[in-house]
Amino acid sequence: MAELPVYVVVNLKIEDTEPYRVYEKGFFPLLKKHGGSFITYDDNPITLEGVAPREDRMIIFTFPSEAAAQGWYDDPEYQALSENRRTGTKLEFLTMVHGLPPR
């Protein structure tokens, strides 16, 4: 059985742009290192139903498998870099969502 893609959905509010820019600059090479692909971000998402995200920015990116996503998150280089995100933002959530097999 083929591995299924995993999507990572993030909701955060940028409170200090300087450390967050450091995070953004290092984020993309590490995403690529683990086979990930950036999909999109939106600073003004529109909630059609339910409770709106409590913070400003929604981010979506993907990995080819759960193992690849977990490898990215557990990578010591990413964990060191993510201190800049933790310093510069208020994180509401960083969630892994499993893809479905083709139907």
PDB file of N, CA and C in Angstrom:
ATOM      1  N   MET A   1       0.843  -1.187   0.000  1.00  0.00           N
ATOM      2  CA  MET A   1       0.000   0.000   0.000  1.00  0.00           C
ATOM      3  C   MET A   1       0.891   1.253   0.000  1.00  0.00           C
ATOM      4  N   ALA A   2       0.568   2.174  -0.845  1.00  0.00           N
ATOM      5  CA  ALA A   2       1.349   3.413  -0.954  1.00  0.00           C
ATOM      6  C   ALA A   2       1.136   4.291   0.271  1.00  0.00           C
ATOM      7  N   GLU A   3       2.176   5.029   0.611  1.00  0.00           N
ATOM      8  CA  GLU A   3       2.041   5.977   1.718  1.00  0.00           C
ATOM      9  C   GLU A   3       1.139   7.123   1.294  1.00  0.00           C
ATOM     10  N   LEU A   4       0.419   7.652   2.249  1.00  0.00           N
ATOM     11  CA  LEU A   4      -0.509   8.747   1.978  1.00  0.00           C
ATOM     12  C   LEU A   4       0.124  10.076   2.350  1.00  0.00           C
ATOM     13  N   PRO A   5      -0.216  11.120   1.621  1.00  0.00           N
ATOM     14  CA  PRO A   5       0.323  12.439   1.965  1.00  0.00           C
ATOM     15  C   PRO A   5      -0.222  12.929   3.298  1.00  0.00           C
ATOM     16  N   VAL A   6       0.516  13.833   3.879  1.00  0.00           N
ATOM     17  CA  VAL A   6       0.110  14.483   5.124  1.00  0.00           C
ATOM     18  C   VAL A   6       0.137  15.981   4.871  1.00  0.00           C
ATOM     19  N   TYR A   7      -0.875  16.661   5.362  1.00  0.00           N
ATOM     20  CA  TYR A   7      -0.958  18.115   5.253  1.00  0.00           C
ATOM     21  C   TYR A   7      -0.740  18.706   6.631  1.00  0.00           C
ATOM     22  N   VAL A   8      -0.023  19.805   6.689  1.00  0.00           N
ATOM     23  CA  VAL A   8       0.185  20.508   7.952  1.00  0.00           C
ATOM     24  C   VAL A   8      -0.539  21.841   7.837  1.00  0.00           C
ATOM     25  N   VAL A   9      -1.402  22.090   8.818  1.00  0.00           N
ATOM     26  CA  VAL A   9      -2.195  23.315   8.859  1.00  0.00           C
ATOM     27  C   VAL A   9      -1.770  24.082  10.101  1.00  0.00           C
ATOM     28  N   VAL A  10      -1.474  25.361   9.915  1.00  0.00           N
ATOM     29  CA  VAL A  10      -0.955  26.196  11.001  1.00  0.00           C
ATOM     30  C   VAL A  10      -1.808  27.455  11.107  1.00  0.00           C
ATOM     31  N   ASN A  11      -2.073  27.865  12.338  1.00  0.00           N
ATOM     32  CA  ASN A  11      -2.748  29.140  12.587  1.00  0.00           C
ATOM     33  C   ASN A  11      -1.909  29.885  13.616  1.00  0.00           C
ATOM     34  N   LEU A  12      -1.452  31.081  13.245  1.00  0.00           N
ATOM     35  CA  LEU A  12      -0.622  31.857  14.160  1.00  0.00           C
ATOM     36  C   LEU A  12      -0.810  33.349  13.939  1.00  0.00           C
ATOM     37  N   LYS A  13      -0.352  34.098  14.915  1.00  0.00           N
ATOM     38  CA  LYS A  13      -0.348  35.560  14.828  1.00  0.00           C
ATOM     39  C   LYS A  13       1.095  36.021  14.965  1.00  0.00           C
ATOM     40  N   ILE A  14       1.576  36.778  13.999  1.00  0.00           N
ATOM     41  CA  ILE A  14       2.946  37.292  14.049  1.00  0.00           C
ATOM     42  C   ILE A  14       2.965  38.500  14.971  1.00  0.00           C
ATOM     43  N   GLU A  15       3.771  38.398  16.033  1.00  0.00           N
ATOM     44  CA  GLU A  15       3.861  39.483  17.012  1.00  0.00           C
ATOM     45  C   GLU A  15       5.179  40.230  16.934  1.00  0.00           C
ATOM     46  N   ASP A  16       6.224  39.574  16.435  1.00  0.00           N
ATOM     47  CA  ASP A  16       7.541  40.201  16.293  1.00  0.00           C
ATOM     48  C   ASP A  16       8.118  39.736  14.954  1.00  0.00           C
ATOM     49  N   THR A  17       8.136  40.632  13.979  1.00  0.00           N
ATOM     50  CA  THR A  17       8.517  40.234  12.619  1.00  0.00           C
ATOM     51  C   THR A  17       9.983  39.830  12.474  1.00  0.00           C
ATOM     52  N   GLU A  18      10.866  40.386  13.289  1.00  0.00           N
ATOM     53  CA  GLU A  18      12.294  40.083  13.121  1.00  0.00           C
ATOM     54  C   GLU A  18      12.606  38.599  13.325  1.00  0.00           C
ATOM     55  N   PRO A  19      12.244  37.994  14.469  1.00  0.00           N
ATOM     56  CA  PRO A  19      12.528  36.563  14.600  1.00  0.00           C
ATOM     57  C   PRO A  19      11.704  35.713  13.630  1.00  0.00           C
ATOM     58  N   TYR A  20      10.493  36.162  13.304  1.00  0.00           N
ATOM     59  CA  TYR A  20       9.680  35.386  12.371  1.00  0.00           C
ATOM     60  C   TYR A  20      10.304  35.368  10.978  1.00  0.00           C
ATOM     61  N   ARG A  21      10.911  36.457  10.555  1.00  0.00           N
ATOM     62  CA  ARG A  21      11.587  36.483   9.240  1.00  0.00           C
ATOM     63  C   ARG A  21      12.781  35.520   9.223  1.00  0.00           C
ATOM     64  N   VAL A  22      13.489  35.421  10.347  1.00  0.00           N
ATOM     65  CA  VAL A  22      14.584  34.449  10.452  1.00  0.00           C
ATOM     66  C   VAL A  22      14.015  33.037  10.275  1.00  0.00           C
ATOM     67  N   TYR A  23      12.885  32.775  10.924  1.00  0.00           N
ATOM     68  CA  TYR A  23      12.219  31.477  10.805  1.00  0.00           C
ATOM     69  C   TYR A  23      11.814  31.203   9.352  1.00  0.00           C
ATOM     70  N   GLU A  24      11.161  32.162   8.719  1.00  0.00           N
ATOM     71  CA  GLU A  24      10.712  31.983   7.331  1.00  0.00           C
ATOM     72  C   GLU A  24      11.886  31.677   6.399  1.00  0.00           C
ATOM     73  N   LYS A  25      12.975  32.381   6.593  1.00  0.00           N
ATOM     74  CA  LYS A  25      14.149  32.215   5.723  1.00  0.00           C
ATOM     75  C   LYS A  25      14.709  30.791   5.817  1.00  0.00           C
ATOM     76  N   GLY A  26      14.733  30.225   7.008  1.00  0.00           N
ATOM     77  CA  GLY A  26      15.254  28.872   7.192  1.00  0.00           C
ATOM     78  C   GLY A  26      14.230  27.774   6.977  1.00  0.00           C
ATOM     79  N   PHE A  27      12.947  28.128   7.003  1.00  0.00           N
ATOM     80  CA  PHE A  27      11.865  27.146   6.907  1.00  0.00           C
ATOM     81  C   PHE A  27      11.864  26.407   5.568  1.00  0.00           C
ATOM     82  N   PHE A  28      11.959  27.132   4.475  1.00  0.00           N
ATOM     83  CA  PHE A  28      11.798  26.525   3.150  1.00  0.00           C
ATOM     84  C   PHE A  28      12.879  25.497   2.809  1.00  0.00           C
ATOM     85  N   PRO A  29      14.162  25.747   3.103  1.00  0.00           N
ATOM     86  CA  PRO A  29      15.163  24.704   2.847  1.00  0.00           C
ATOM     87  C   PRO A  29      14.912  23.433   3.671  1.00  0.00           C
ATOM     88  N   LEU A  30      14.441  23.588   4.912  1.00  0.00           N
ATOM     89  CA  LEU A  30      14.166  22.411   5.737  1.00  0.00           C
ATOM     90  C   LEU A  30      12.920  21.674   5.255  1.00  0.00           C
ATOM     91  N   LEU A  31      11.933  22.408   4.781  1.00  0.00           N
ATOM     92  CA  LEU A  31      10.741  21.782   4.204  1.00  0.00           C
ATOM     93  C   LEU A  31      11.161  20.917   3.014  1.00  0.00           C
ATOM     94  N   LYS A  32      11.977  21.481   2.133  1.00  0.00           N
ATOM     95  CA  LYS A  32      12.449  20.767   0.945  1.00  0.00           C
ATOM     96  C   LYS A  32      13.302  19.558   1.334  1.00  0.00           C
ATOM     97  N   LYS A  33      14.159  19.718   2.340  1.00  0.00           N
ATOM     98  CA  LYS A  33      15.034  18.632   2.807  1.00  0.00           C
ATOM     99  C   LYS A  33      14.232  17.386   3.164  1.00  0.00           C
ATOM    100  N   HIS A  34      13.017  17.572   3.672  1.00  0.00           N
ATOM    101  CA  HIS A  34      12.179  16.447   4.103  1.00  0.00           C
ATOM    102  C   HIS A  34      11.090  16.103   3.091  1.00  0.00           C
ATOM    103  N   GLY A  35      11.232  16.600   1.865  1.00  0.00           N
ATOM    104  CA  GLY A  35      10.298  16.250   0.802  1.00  0.00           C
ATOM    105  C   GLY A  35       8.989  17.013   0.840  1.00  0.00           C
ATOM    106  N   GLY A  36       8.935  18.068   1.638  1.00  0.00           N
ATOM    107  CA  GLY A  36       7.708  18.840   1.770  1.00  0.00           C
ATOM    108  C   GLY A  36       7.525  19.855   0.662  1.00  0.00           C
ATOM    109  N   SER A  37       6.284  20.284   0.510  1.00  0.00           N
ATOM    110  CA  SER A  37       5.930  21.315  -0.471  1.00  0.00           C
ATOM    111  C   SER A  37       5.027  22.342   0.186  1.00  0.00           C
ATOM    112  N   PHE A  38       5.321  23.591  -0.067  1.00  0.00           N
ATOM    113  CA  PHE A  38       4.495  24.681   0.449  1.00  0.00           C
ATOM    114  C   PHE A  38       3.270  24.821  -0.445  1.00  0.00           C
ATOM    115  N   ILE A  39       2.089  24.930   0.152  1.00  0.00           N
ATOM    116  CA  ILE A  39       0.862  25.096  -0.630  1.00  0.00           C
ATOM    117  C   ILE A  39       0.435  26.558  -0.636  1.00  0.00           C
ATOM    118  N   THR A  40       0.181  27.137   0.543  1.00  0.00           N
ATOM    119  CA  THR A  40      -0.283  28.521   0.584  1.00  0.00           C
ATOM    120  C   THR A  40      -0.259  29.072   2.001  1.00  0.00           C
ATOM    121  N   TYR A  41      -0.424  30.383   2.088  1.00  0.00           N
ATOM    122  CA  TYR A  41      -0.728  31.028   3.360  1.00  0.00           C
ATOM    123  C   TYR A  41      -1.722  32.135   3.071  1.00  0.00           C
ATOM    124  N   ASP A  42      -2.442  32.554   4.119  1.00  0.00           N
ATOM    125  CA  ASP A  42      -3.441  33.610   3.960  1.00  0.00           C
ATOM    126  C   ASP A  42      -3.518  34.392   5.263  1.00  0.00           C
ATOM    127  N   ASP A  43      -3.324  35.698   5.178  1.00  0.00           N
ATOM    128  CA  ASP A  43      -3.442  36.554   6.359  1.00  0.00           C
ATOM    129  C   ASP A  43      -4.874  37.020   6.598  1.00  0.00           C
ATOM    130  N   ASN A  44      -5.778  36.676   5.694  1.00  0.00           N
ATOM    131  CA  ASN A  44      -7.183  37.069   5.833  1.00  0.00           C
ATOM    132  C   ASN A  44      -8.108  35.926   5.426  1.00  0.00           C
ATOM    133  N   PRO A  45      -8.017  34.762   6.122  1.00  0.00           N
ATOM    134  CA  PRO A  45      -8.880  33.647   5.743  1.00  0.00           C
ATOM    135  C   PRO A  45     -10.349  33.986   6.015  1.00  0.00           C
ATOM    136  N   ILE A  46     -11.224  33.415   5.222  1.00  0.00           N
ATOM    137  CA  ILE A  46     -12.658  33.660   5.357  1.00  0.00           C
ATOM    138  C   ILE A  46     -13.309  32.412   5.943  1.00  0.00           C
ATOM    139  N   THR A  47     -13.926  32.559   7.090  1.00  0.00           N
ATOM    140  CA  THR A  47     -14.624  31.456   7.729  1.00  0.00           C
ATOM    141  C   THR A  47     -16.059  31.437   7.223  1.00  0.00           C
ATOM    142  N   LEU A  48     -16.460  30.343   6.599  1.00  0.00           N
ATOM    143  CA  LEU A  48     -17.815  30.227   6.068  1.00  0.00           C
ATOM    144  C   LEU A  48     -18.805  29.735   7.121  1.00  0.00           C
ATOM    145  N   GLU A  49     -18.338  28.909   8.041  1.00  0.00           N
ATOM    146  CA  GLU A  49     -19.173  28.427   9.141  1.00  0.00           C
ATOM    147  C   GLU A  49     -18.278  28.155  10.336  1.00  0.00           C
ATOM    148  N   GLY A  50     -18.875  28.110  11.503  1.00  0.00           N
ATOM    149  CA  GLY A  50     -18.134  27.777  12.707  1.00  0.00           C
ATOM    150  C   GLY A  50     -17.342  28.953  13.243  1.00  0.00           C
ATOM    151  N   VAL A  51     -16.435  28.631  14.144  1.00  0.00           N
ATOM    152  CA  VAL A  51     -15.628  29.645  14.813  1.00  0.00           C
ATOM    153  C   VAL A  51     -14.435  30.002  13.929  1.00  0.00           C
ATOM    154  N   ALA A  52     -14.232  31.269  13.690  1.00  0.00           N
ATOM    155  CA  ALA A  52     -13.102  31.727  12.884  1.00  0.00           C
ATOM    156  C   ALA A  52     -11.796  31.408  13.602  1.00  0.00           C
ATOM    157  N   PRO A  53     -10.707  31.204  12.845  1.00  0.00           N
ATOM    158  CA  PRO A  53      -9.406  31.063  13.504  1.00  0.00           C
ATOM    159  C   PRO A  53      -9.187  32.248  14.438  1.00  0.00           C
ATOM    160  N   ARG A  54      -8.606  31.960  15.572  1.00  0.00           N
ATOM    161  CA  ARG A  54      -8.473  33.013  16.577  1.00  0.00           C
ATOM    162  C   ARG A  54      -7.290  33.929  16.330  1.00  0.00           C
ATOM    163  N   GLU A  55      -6.479  33.592  15.387  1.00  0.00           N
ATOM    164  CA  GLU A  55      -5.320  34.427  15.093  1.00  0.00           C
ATOM    165  C   GLU A  55      -5.298  34.760  13.609  1.00  0.00           C
ATOM    166  N   ASP A  56      -4.237  35.384  13.143  1.00  0.00           N
ATOM    167  CA  ASP A  56      -4.222  36.006  11.830  1.00  0.00           C
ATOM    168  C   ASP A  56      -3.900  35.096  10.645  1.00  0.00           C
ATOM    169  N   ARG A  57      -2.802  34.401  10.680  1.00  0.00           N
ATOM    170  CA  ARG A  57      -2.279  33.721   9.490  1.00  0.00           C
ATOM    171  C   ARG A  57      -2.594  32.227   9.510  1.00  0.00           C
ATOM    172  N   MET A  58      -3.104  31.748   8.373  1.00  0.00           N
ATOM    173  CA  MET A  58      -3.281  30.313   8.147  1.00  0.00           C
ATOM    174  C   MET A  58      -2.221  29.897   7.127  1.00  0.00           C
ATOM    175  N   ILE A  59      -1.578  28.751   7.378  1.00  0.00           N
ATOM    176  CA  ILE A  59      -0.517  28.238   6.513  1.00  0.00           C
ATOM    177  C   ILE A  59      -0.812  26.770   6.237  1.00  0.00           C
ATOM    178  N   ILE A  60      -0.604  26.337   4.991  1.00  0.00           N
ATOM    179  CA  ILE A  60      -0.803  24.934   4.637  1.00  0.00           C
ATOM    180  C   ILE A  60       0.401  24.469   3.816  1.00  0.00           C
ATOM    181  N   PHE A  61       0.978  23.333   4.231  1.00  0.00           N
ATOM    182  CA  PHE A  61       2.031  22.696   3.447  1.00  0.00           C
ATOM    183  C   PHE A  61       1.863  21.197   3.560  1.00  0.00           C
ATOM    184  N   THR A  62       2.576  20.450   2.738  1.00  0.00           N
ATOM    185  CA  THR A  62       2.351  19.010   2.662  1.00  0.00           C
ATOM    186  C   THR A  62       3.660  18.232   2.622  1.00  0.00           C
ATOM    187  N   PHE A  63       3.560  16.968   3.028  1.00  0.00           N
ATOM    188  CA  PHE A  63       4.666  16.016   2.951  1.00  0.00           C
ATOM    189  C   PHE A  63       4.157  14.747   2.282  1.00  0.00           C
ATOM    190  N   PRO A  64       5.036  13.959   1.688  1.00  0.00           N
ATOM    191  CA  PRO A  64       4.588  12.745   1.011  1.00  0.00           C
ATOM    192  C   PRO A  64       4.115  11.643   1.959  1.00  0.00           C
ATOM    193  N   SER A  65       4.449  11.761   3.248  1.00  0.00           N
ATOM    194  CA  SER A  65       4.065  10.723   4.209  1.00  0.00           C
ATOM    195  C   SER A  65       4.112  11.292   5.627  1.00  0.00           C
ATOM    196  N   GLU A  66       3.496  10.554   6.543  1.00  0.00           N
ATOM    197  CA  GLU A  66       3.561  10.939   7.954  1.00  0.00           C
ATOM    198  C   GLU A  66       5.002  10.878   8.455  1.00  0.00           C
ATOM    199  N   ALA A  67       5.742   9.863   8.010  1.00  0.00           N
ATOM    200  CA  ALA A  67       7.141   9.731   8.438  1.00  0.00           C
ATOM    201  C   ALA A  67       7.964  10.938   7.998  1.00  0.00           C
ATOM    202  N   ALA A  68       7.725  11.427   6.787  1.00  0.00           N
ATOM    203  CA  ALA A  68       8.458  12.607   6.307  1.00  0.00           C
ATOM    204  C   ALA A  68       8.098  13.835   7.132  1.00  0.00           C
ATOM    205  N   ALA A  69       6.810  13.997   7.435  1.00  0.00           N
ATOM    206  CA  ALA A  69       6.365  15.139   8.246  1.00  0.00           C
ATOM    207  C   ALA A  69       6.958  15.071   9.648  1.00  0.00           C
ATOM    208  N   GLN A  70       6.945  13.883  10.238  1.00  0.00           N
ATOM    209  CA  GLN A  70       7.487  13.736  11.587  1.00  0.00           C
ATOM    210  C   GLN A  70       8.992  13.946  11.580  1.00  0.00           C
ATOM    211  N   GLY A  71       9.661  13.490  10.517  1.00  0.00           N
ATOM    212  CA  GLY A  71      11.102  13.715  10.385  1.00  0.00           C
ATOM    213  C   GLY A  71      11.438  15.191  10.316  1.00  0.00           C
ATOM    214  N   TRP A  72      10.623  15.952   9.585  1.00  0.00           N
ATOM    215  CA  TRP A  72      10.800  17.413   9.514  1.00  0.00           C
ATOM    216  C   TRP A  72      10.640  18.023  10.907  1.00  0.00           C
ATOM    217  N   TYR A  73       9.555  17.677  11.582  1.00  0.00           N
ATOM    218  CA  TYR A  73       9.277  18.289  12.879  1.00  0.00           C
ATOM    219  C   TYR A  73      10.344  17.914  13.915  1.00  0.00           C
ATOM    220  N   ASP A  74      10.796  16.666  13.885  1.00  0.00           N
ATOM    221  CA  ASP A  74      11.773  16.188  14.871  1.00  0.00           C
ATOM    222  C   ASP A  74      13.214  16.579  14.541  1.00  0.00           C
ATOM    223  N   ASP A  75      13.464  17.062  13.338  1.00  0.00           N
ATOM    224  CA  ASP A  75      14.814  17.435  12.915  1.00  0.00           C
ATOM    225  C   ASP A  75      15.384  18.472  13.889  1.00  0.00           C
ATOM    226  N   PRO A  76      16.535  18.189  14.518  1.00  0.00           N
ATOM    227  CA  PRO A  76      17.119  19.147  15.460  1.00  0.00           C
ATOM    228  C   PRO A  76      17.343  20.531  14.840  1.00  0.00           C
ATOM    229  N   GLU A  77      17.658  20.564  13.545  1.00  0.00           N
ATOM    230  CA  GLU A  77      17.847  21.847  12.872  1.00  0.00           C
ATOM    231  C   GLU A  77      16.521  22.624  12.823  1.00  0.00           C
ATOM    232  N   TYR A  78      15.416  21.906  12.558  1.00  0.00           N
ATOM    233  CA  TYR A  78      14.111  22.575  12.559  1.00  0.00           C
ATOM    234  C   TYR A  78      13.742  23.023  13.975  1.00  0.00           C
ATOM    235  N   GLN A  79      13.963  22.171  14.951  1.00  0.00           N
ATOM    236  CA  GLN A  79      13.606  22.538  16.325  1.00  0.00           C
ATOM    237  C   GLN A  79      14.373  23.783  16.776  1.00  0.00           C
ATOM    238  N   ALA A  80      15.639  23.885  16.404  1.00  0.00           N
ATOM    239  CA  ALA A  80      16.415  25.085  16.743  1.00  0.00           C
ATOM    240  C   ALA A  80      15.846  26.304  16.019  1.00  0.00           C
ATOM    241  N   LEU A  81      15.533  26.151  14.736  1.00  0.00           N
ATOM    242  CA  LEU A  81      14.965  27.250  13.956  1.00  0.00           C
ATOM    243  C   LEU A  81      13.604  27.673  14.495  1.00  0.00           C
ATOM    244  N   SER A  82      12.803  26.705  14.926  1.00  0.00           N
ATOM    245  CA  SER A  82      11.438  27.010  15.373  1.00  0.00           C
ATOM    246  C   SER A  82      11.402  27.868  16.633  1.00  0.00           C
ATOM    247  N   GLU A  83      12.519  27.974  17.329  1.00  0.00           N
ATOM    248  CA  GLU A  83      12.560  28.898  18.473  1.00  0.00           C
ATOM    249  C   GLU A  83      12.274  30.325  18.009  1.00  0.00           C
ATOM    250  N   ASN A  84      12.666  30.658  16.788  1.00  0.00           N
ATOM    251  CA  ASN A  84      12.357  31.979  16.230  1.00  0.00           C
ATOM    252  C   ASN A  84      10.860  32.149  16.017  1.00  0.00           C
ATOM    253  N   ARG A  85      10.189  31.072  15.569  1.00  0.00           N
ATOM    254  CA  ARG A  85       8.729  31.136  15.421  1.00  0.00           C
ATOM    255  C   ARG A  85       8.072  31.277  16.786  1.00  0.00           C
ATOM    256  N   ARG A  86       8.551  30.522  17.742  1.00  0.00           N
ATOM    257  CA  ARG A  86       7.968  30.584  19.088  1.00  0.00           C
ATOM    258  C   ARG A  86       8.143  31.971  19.706  1.00  0.00           C
ATOM    259  N   THR A  87       9.283  32.597  19.438  1.00  0.00           N
ATOM    260  CA  THR A  87       9.560  33.938  19.958  1.00  0.00           C
ATOM    261  C   THR A  87       8.734  34.996  19.244  1.00  0.00           C
ATOM    262  N   GLY A  88       8.560  34.846  17.934  1.00  0.00           N
ATOM    263  CA  GLY A  88       7.947  35.894  17.130  1.00  0.00           C
ATOM    264  C   GLY A  88       6.460  35.772  16.891  1.00  0.00           C
ATOM    265  N   THR A  89       5.852  34.666  17.348  1.00  0.00           N
ATOM    266  CA  THR A  89       4.428  34.476  17.067  1.00  0.00           C
ATOM    267  C   THR A  89       3.676  33.962  18.285  1.00  0.00           C
ATOM    268  N   LYS A  90       2.383  34.079  18.194  1.00  0.00           N
ATOM    269  CA  LYS A  90       1.477  33.387  19.112  1.00  0.00           C
ATOM    270  C   LYS A  90       0.860  32.267  18.284  1.00  0.00           C
ATOM    271  N   LEU A  91       1.217  31.029  18.585  1.00  0.00           N
ATOM    272  CA  LEU A  91       0.763  29.878  17.814  1.00  0.00           C
ATOM    273  C   LEU A  91      -0.552  29.370  18.379  1.00  0.00           C
ATOM    274  N   GLU A  92      -1.552  29.282  17.523  1.00  0.00           N
ATOM    275  CA  GLU A  92      -2.830  28.692  17.910  1.00  0.00           C
ATOM    276  C   GLU A  92      -2.781  27.179  17.714  1.00  0.00           C
ATOM    277  N   PHE A  93      -2.325  26.737  16.541  1.00  0.00           N
ATOM    278  CA  PHE A  93      -2.142  25.301  16.321  1.00  0.00           C
ATOM    279  C   PHE A  93      -1.197  25.040  15.158  1.00  0.00           C
ATOM    280  N   LEU A  94      -0.569  23.875  15.201  1.00  0.00           N
ATOM    281  CA  LEU A  94       0.253  23.317  14.133  1.00  0.00           C
ATOM    282  C   LEU A  94      -0.180  21.857  14.086  1.00  0.00           C
ATOM    283  N   THR A  95      -1.014  21.500  13.104  1.00  0.00           N
ATOM    284  CA  THR A  95      -1.716  20.224  13.101  1.00  0.00           C
ATOM    285  C   THR A  95      -1.406  19.421  11.844  1.00  0.00           C
ATOM    286  N   MET A  96      -1.181  18.108  12.034  1.00  0.00           N
ATOM    287  CA  MET A  96      -0.975  17.196  10.920  1.00  0.00           C
ATOM    288  C   MET A  96      -2.326  16.578  10.541  1.00  0.00           C
ATOM    289  N   VAL A  97      -2.669  16.624   9.245  1.00  0.00           N
ATOM    290  CA  VAL A  97      -3.918  16.050   8.743  1.00  0.00           C
ATOM    291  C   VAL A  97      -3.559  15.010   7.687  1.00  0.00           C
ATOM    292  N   HIS A  98      -4.012  13.775   7.885  1.00  0.00           N
ATOM    293  CA  HIS A  98      -3.696  12.701   6.941  1.00  0.00           C
ATOM    294  C   HIS A  98      -4.545  12.807   5.680  1.00  0.00           C
ATOM    295  N   GLY A  99      -3.899  12.589   4.539  1.00  0.00           N
ATOM    296  CA  GLY A  99      -4.612  12.544   3.267  1.00  0.00           C
ATOM    297  C   GLY A  99      -5.364  11.231   3.124  1.00  0.00           C
ATOM    298  N   LEU A 100      -6.215  11.164   2.124  1.00  0.00           N
ATOM    299  CA  LEU A 100      -6.992   9.963   1.840  1.00  0.00           C
ATOM    300  C   LEU A 100      -6.414   9.234   0.635  1.00  0.00           C
ATOM    301  N   PRO A 101      -6.619   7.904   0.582  1.00  0.00           N
ATOM    302  CA  PRO A 101      -6.175   7.184  -0.614  1.00  0.00           C
ATOM    303  C   PRO A 101      -7.033   7.582  -1.811  1.00  0.00           C
ATOM    304  N   PRO A 102      -6.491   7.433  -3.016  1.00  0.00           N
ATOM    305  CA  PRO A 102      -7.292   7.745  -4.207  1.00  0.00           C
ATOM    306  C   PRO A 102      -8.544   6.879  -4.241  1.00  0.00           C
ATOM    307  N   ARG A 103      -9.618   7.443  -4.734  1.00  0.00           N
ATOM    308  CA  ARG A 103     -10.888   6.685  -4.802  1.00  0.00           C
ATOM    309  C   ARG A 103     -11.250   6.418  -6.232  1.00  0.00           C
TER     310      ARG A 103
END
